[in-house]
Amino acid sequence: MKRKVGYTWRLREVMAQHRIFTATELVPLLRERGIDLSASQVHRLVSGTPERLSLQVMSALCDILSCTPADLVATTAENAGVRKTATGDLPTPPANVAKLWPRAARLLPDA
């Protein structure tokens, strides 16, 4: 059975717990730890959900916020639904299927 996995990026929530409310407050804290990101990069990190993140940035965020990676990333996993096939849902065809097909048109000459 297939499983569907996902994650939730919780950086903004963890920042708020530590009374850091803007991305600009995070920029100098990251620089102190050797992470040189622009203000717009940090803003995207805080406001969005990153698809890729370096372990150095993750480690710096964990150090700044005194948390673990599990606090920043909440994972989810659930069983994927089983797809139904079209053949299982179709009603049984009528006994005389031939009557359902259209007949060829017969062209008559103009009288």
C-alpha atoms as a PDB file:
ATOM      1  CA  MET A   1       0.000   0.000   0.000  1.00  0.00           C
ATOM      2  CA  LYS A   2       1.309   3.445  -0.877  1.00  0.00           C
ATOM      3  CA  ARG A   3       1.767   6.148   1.721  1.00  0.00           C
ATOM      4  CA  LYS A   4       1.391   9.868   1.231  1.00  0.00           C
ATOM      5  CA  VAL A   5       3.949  11.911   3.172  1.00  0.00           C
ATOM      6  CA  GLY A   6       4.088  15.637   3.810  1.00  0.00           C
ATOM      7  CA  TYR A   7       5.463  18.242   6.142  1.00  0.00           C
ATOM      8  CA  THR A   8       4.598  21.552   7.745  1.00  0.00           C
ATOM      9  CA  TRP A   9       7.206  24.285   8.160  1.00  0.00           C
ATOM     10  CA  ARG A  10       6.749  25.808  11.615  1.00  0.00           C
ATOM     11  CA  LEU A  11       9.538  28.431  11.683  1.00  0.00           C
ATOM     12  CA  ARG A  12       7.184  31.373  12.184  1.00  0.00           C
ATOM     13  CA  GLU A  13       5.475  29.683  15.156  1.00  0.00           C
ATOM     14  CA  VAL A  14       8.766  28.798  16.841  1.00  0.00           C
ATOM     15  CA  MET A  15      10.068  32.331  16.222  1.00  0.00           C
ATOM     16  CA  ALA A  16       6.965  33.781  17.879  1.00  0.00           C
ATOM     17  CA  GLN A  17       7.497  31.565  20.929  1.00  0.00           C
ATOM     18  CA  HIS A  18      10.945  33.177  21.274  1.00  0.00           C
ATOM     19  CA  ARG A  19       9.584  36.695  20.716  1.00  0.00           C
ATOM     20  CA  ILE A  20      11.109  37.097  17.259  1.00  0.00           C
ATOM     21  CA  PHE A  21       8.330  38.482  15.098  1.00  0.00           C
ATOM     22  CA  THR A  22       9.995  39.686  11.888  1.00  0.00           C
ATOM     23  CA  ALA A  23      12.408  38.230   9.380  1.00  0.00           C
ATOM     24  CA  THR A  24      14.692  41.256   9.723  1.00  0.00           C
ATOM     25  CA  GLU A  25      15.303  40.357  13.378  1.00  0.00           C
ATOM     26  CA  LEU A  26      16.548  36.967  12.213  1.00  0.00           C
ATOM     27  CA  VAL A  27      19.114  38.271   9.673  1.00  0.00           C
ATOM     28  CA  PRO A  28      21.782  39.463  12.174  1.00  0.00           C
ATOM     29  CA  LEU A  29      21.309  36.341  14.311  1.00  0.00           C
ATOM     30  CA  LEU A  30      22.008  34.177  11.265  1.00  0.00           C
ATOM     31  CA  ARG A  31      25.049  36.315  10.338  1.00  0.00           C
ATOM     32  CA  GLU A  32      26.506  35.757  13.820  1.00  0.00           C
ATOM     33  CA  ARG A  33      26.477  32.049  13.004  1.00  0.00           C
ATOM     34  CA  GLY A  34      28.099  32.416   9.576  1.00  0.00           C
ATOM     35  CA  ILE A  35      24.919  32.275   7.492  1.00  0.00           C
ATOM     36  CA  ASP A  36      24.891  35.219   5.075  1.00  0.00           C
ATOM     37  CA  LEU A  37      21.390  35.443   3.597  1.00  0.00           C
ATOM     38  CA  SER A  38      19.746  38.567   2.213  1.00  0.00           C
ATOM     39  CA  ALA A  39      16.687  40.024   3.889  1.00  0.00           C
ATOM     40  CA  SER A  40      14.475  38.768   1.060  1.00  0.00           C
ATOM     41  CA  GLN A  41      15.886  35.242   1.348  1.00  0.00           C
ATOM     42  CA  VAL A  42      15.186  35.196   5.080  1.00  0.00           C
ATOM     43  CA  HIS A  43      11.709  36.603   4.444  1.00  0.00           C
ATOM     44  CA  ARG A  44      10.963  33.738   2.017  1.00  0.00           C
ATOM     45  CA  LEU A  45      12.334  31.274   4.565  1.00  0.00           C
ATOM     46  CA  VAL A  46      10.029  32.654   7.272  1.00  0.00           C
ATOM     47  CA  SER A  47       6.888  33.265   5.215  1.00  0.00           C
ATOM     48  CA  GLY A  48       6.950  30.226   2.922  1.00  0.00           C
ATOM     49  CA  THR A  49       7.618  26.511   3.073  1.00  0.00           C
ATOM     50  CA  PRO A  50      11.054  25.640   1.698  1.00  0.00           C
ATOM     51  CA  GLU A  51      11.454  22.601  -0.521  1.00  0.00           C
ATOM     52  CA  ARG A  52      15.196  22.444   0.103  1.00  0.00           C
ATOM     53  CA  LEU A  53      17.150  23.731   3.072  1.00  0.00           C
ATOM     54  CA  SER A  54      20.835  23.365   3.860  1.00  0.00           C
ATOM     55  CA  LEU A  55      21.745  21.655   7.090  1.00  0.00           C
ATOM     56  CA  GLN A  56      23.900  24.656   8.018  1.00  0.00           C
ATOM     57  CA  VAL A  57      20.858  26.950   7.895  1.00  0.00           C
ATOM     58  CA  MET A  58      18.776  24.390   9.804  1.00  0.00           C
ATOM     59  CA  SER A  59      21.490  24.072  12.449  1.00  0.00           C
ATOM     60  CA  ALA A  60      21.760  27.853  12.797  1.00  0.00           C
ATOM     61  CA  LEU A  61      17.986  28.202  13.178  1.00  0.00           C
ATOM     62  CA  CYS A  62      17.959  25.458  15.817  1.00  0.00           C
ATOM     63  CA  ASP A  63      20.783  27.204  17.686  1.00  0.00           C
ATOM     64  CA  ILE A  64      19.077  30.609  17.519  1.00  0.00           C
ATOM     65  CA  LEU A  65      15.703  29.262  18.639  1.00  0.00           C
ATOM     66  CA  SER A  66      17.016  26.604  21.071  1.00  0.00           C
ATOM     67  CA  CYS A  67      14.993  23.905  19.380  1.00  0.00           C
ATOM     68  CA  THR A  68      15.403  20.709  17.383  1.00  0.00           C
ATOM     69  CA  PRO A  69      14.703  20.143  13.677  1.00  0.00           C
ATOM     70  CA  ALA A  70      11.585  18.231  14.737  1.00  0.00           C
ATOM     71  CA  ASP A  71      10.271  21.451  16.284  1.00  0.00           C
ATOM     72  CA  LEU A  72      10.701  23.273  12.957  1.00  0.00           C
ATOM     73  CA  VAL A  73       9.364  20.534  10.684  1.00  0.00           C
ATOM     74  CA  ALA A  74       6.188  18.626  11.553  1.00  0.00           C
ATOM     75  CA  THR A  75       5.853  15.549   9.362  1.00  0.00           C
ATOM     76  CA  THR A  76       2.694  13.727   8.344  1.00  0.00           C
ATOM     77  CA  ALA A  77       2.156  10.311   6.771  1.00  0.00           C
ATOM     78  CA  GLU A  78      -1.082   8.631   5.801  1.00  0.00           C
ATOM     79  CA  ASN A  79      -2.194   5.765   3.641  1.00  0.00           C
ATOM     80  CA  ALA A  80      -3.021   6.815   0.098  1.00  0.00           C
ATOM     81  CA  GLY A  81      -6.541   5.974  -0.994  1.00  0.00           C
ATOM     82  CA  VAL A  82      -7.040   3.004  -3.262  1.00  0.00           C
ATOM     83  CA  ARG A  83      -8.002   4.064  -6.753  1.00  0.00           C
ATOM     84  CA  LYS A  84     -11.187   2.550  -8.102  1.00  0.00           C
ATOM     85  CA  THR A  85     -11.145   1.033 -11.544  1.00  0.00           C
ATOM     86  CA  ALA A  86     -13.722   2.032 -14.099  1.00  0.00           C
ATOM     87  CA  THR A  87     -14.727  -1.569 -14.752  1.00  0.00           C
ATOM     88  CA  GLY A  88     -15.861  -2.117 -11.189  1.00  0.00           C
ATOM     89  CA  ASP A  89     -18.316   0.778 -11.277  1.00  0.00           C
ATOM     90  CA  LEU A  90     -20.019   0.155 -14.627  1.00  0.00           C
ATOM     91  CA  PRO A  91     -23.490  -1.365 -14.748  1.00  0.00           C
ATOM     92  CA  THR A  92     -23.923  -4.574 -16.699  1.00  0.00           C
ATOM     93  CA  PRO A  93     -24.654  -3.939 -20.393  1.00  0.00           C
ATOM     94  CA  PRO A  94     -28.145  -4.718 -21.727  1.00  0.00           C
ATOM     95  CA  ALA A  95     -28.682  -8.110 -23.328  1.00  0.00           C
ATOM     96  CA  ASN A  96     -29.261  -6.827 -26.870  1.00  0.00           C
ATOM     97  CA  VAL A  97     -26.401  -4.398 -27.447  1.00  0.00           C
ATOM     98  CA  ALA A  98     -26.710  -4.514 -31.256  1.00  0.00           C
ATOM     99  CA  LYS A  99     -29.896  -2.419 -31.165  1.00  0.00           C
ATOM    100  CA  LEU A 100     -27.990   0.418 -29.497  1.00  0.00           C
ATOM    101  CA  TRP A 101     -25.613   0.966 -32.442  1.00  0.00           C
ATOM    102  CA  PRO A 102     -26.689   3.528 -35.047  1.00  0.00           C
ATOM    103  CA  ARG A 103     -27.693   2.226 -38.459  1.00  0.00           C
ATOM    104  CA  ALA A 104     -26.048   3.446 -41.631  1.00  0.00           C
ATOM    105  CA  ALA A 105     -27.997   6.133 -43.455  1.00  0.00           C
ATOM    106  CA  ARG A 106     -29.569   5.229 -46.777  1.00  0.00           C
ATOM    107  CA  LEU A 107     -29.357   7.949 -49.419  1.00  0.00           C
ATOM    108  CA  LEU A 108     -32.208   8.101 -51.906  1.00  0.00           C
ATOM    109  CA  PRO A 109     -31.962   9.855 -55.272  1.00  0.00           C
ATOM    110  CA  ASP A 110     -33.918  13.107 -55.626  1.00  0.00           C
ATOM    111  CA  ALA A 111     -37.299  12.440 -57.161  1.00  0.00           C
END
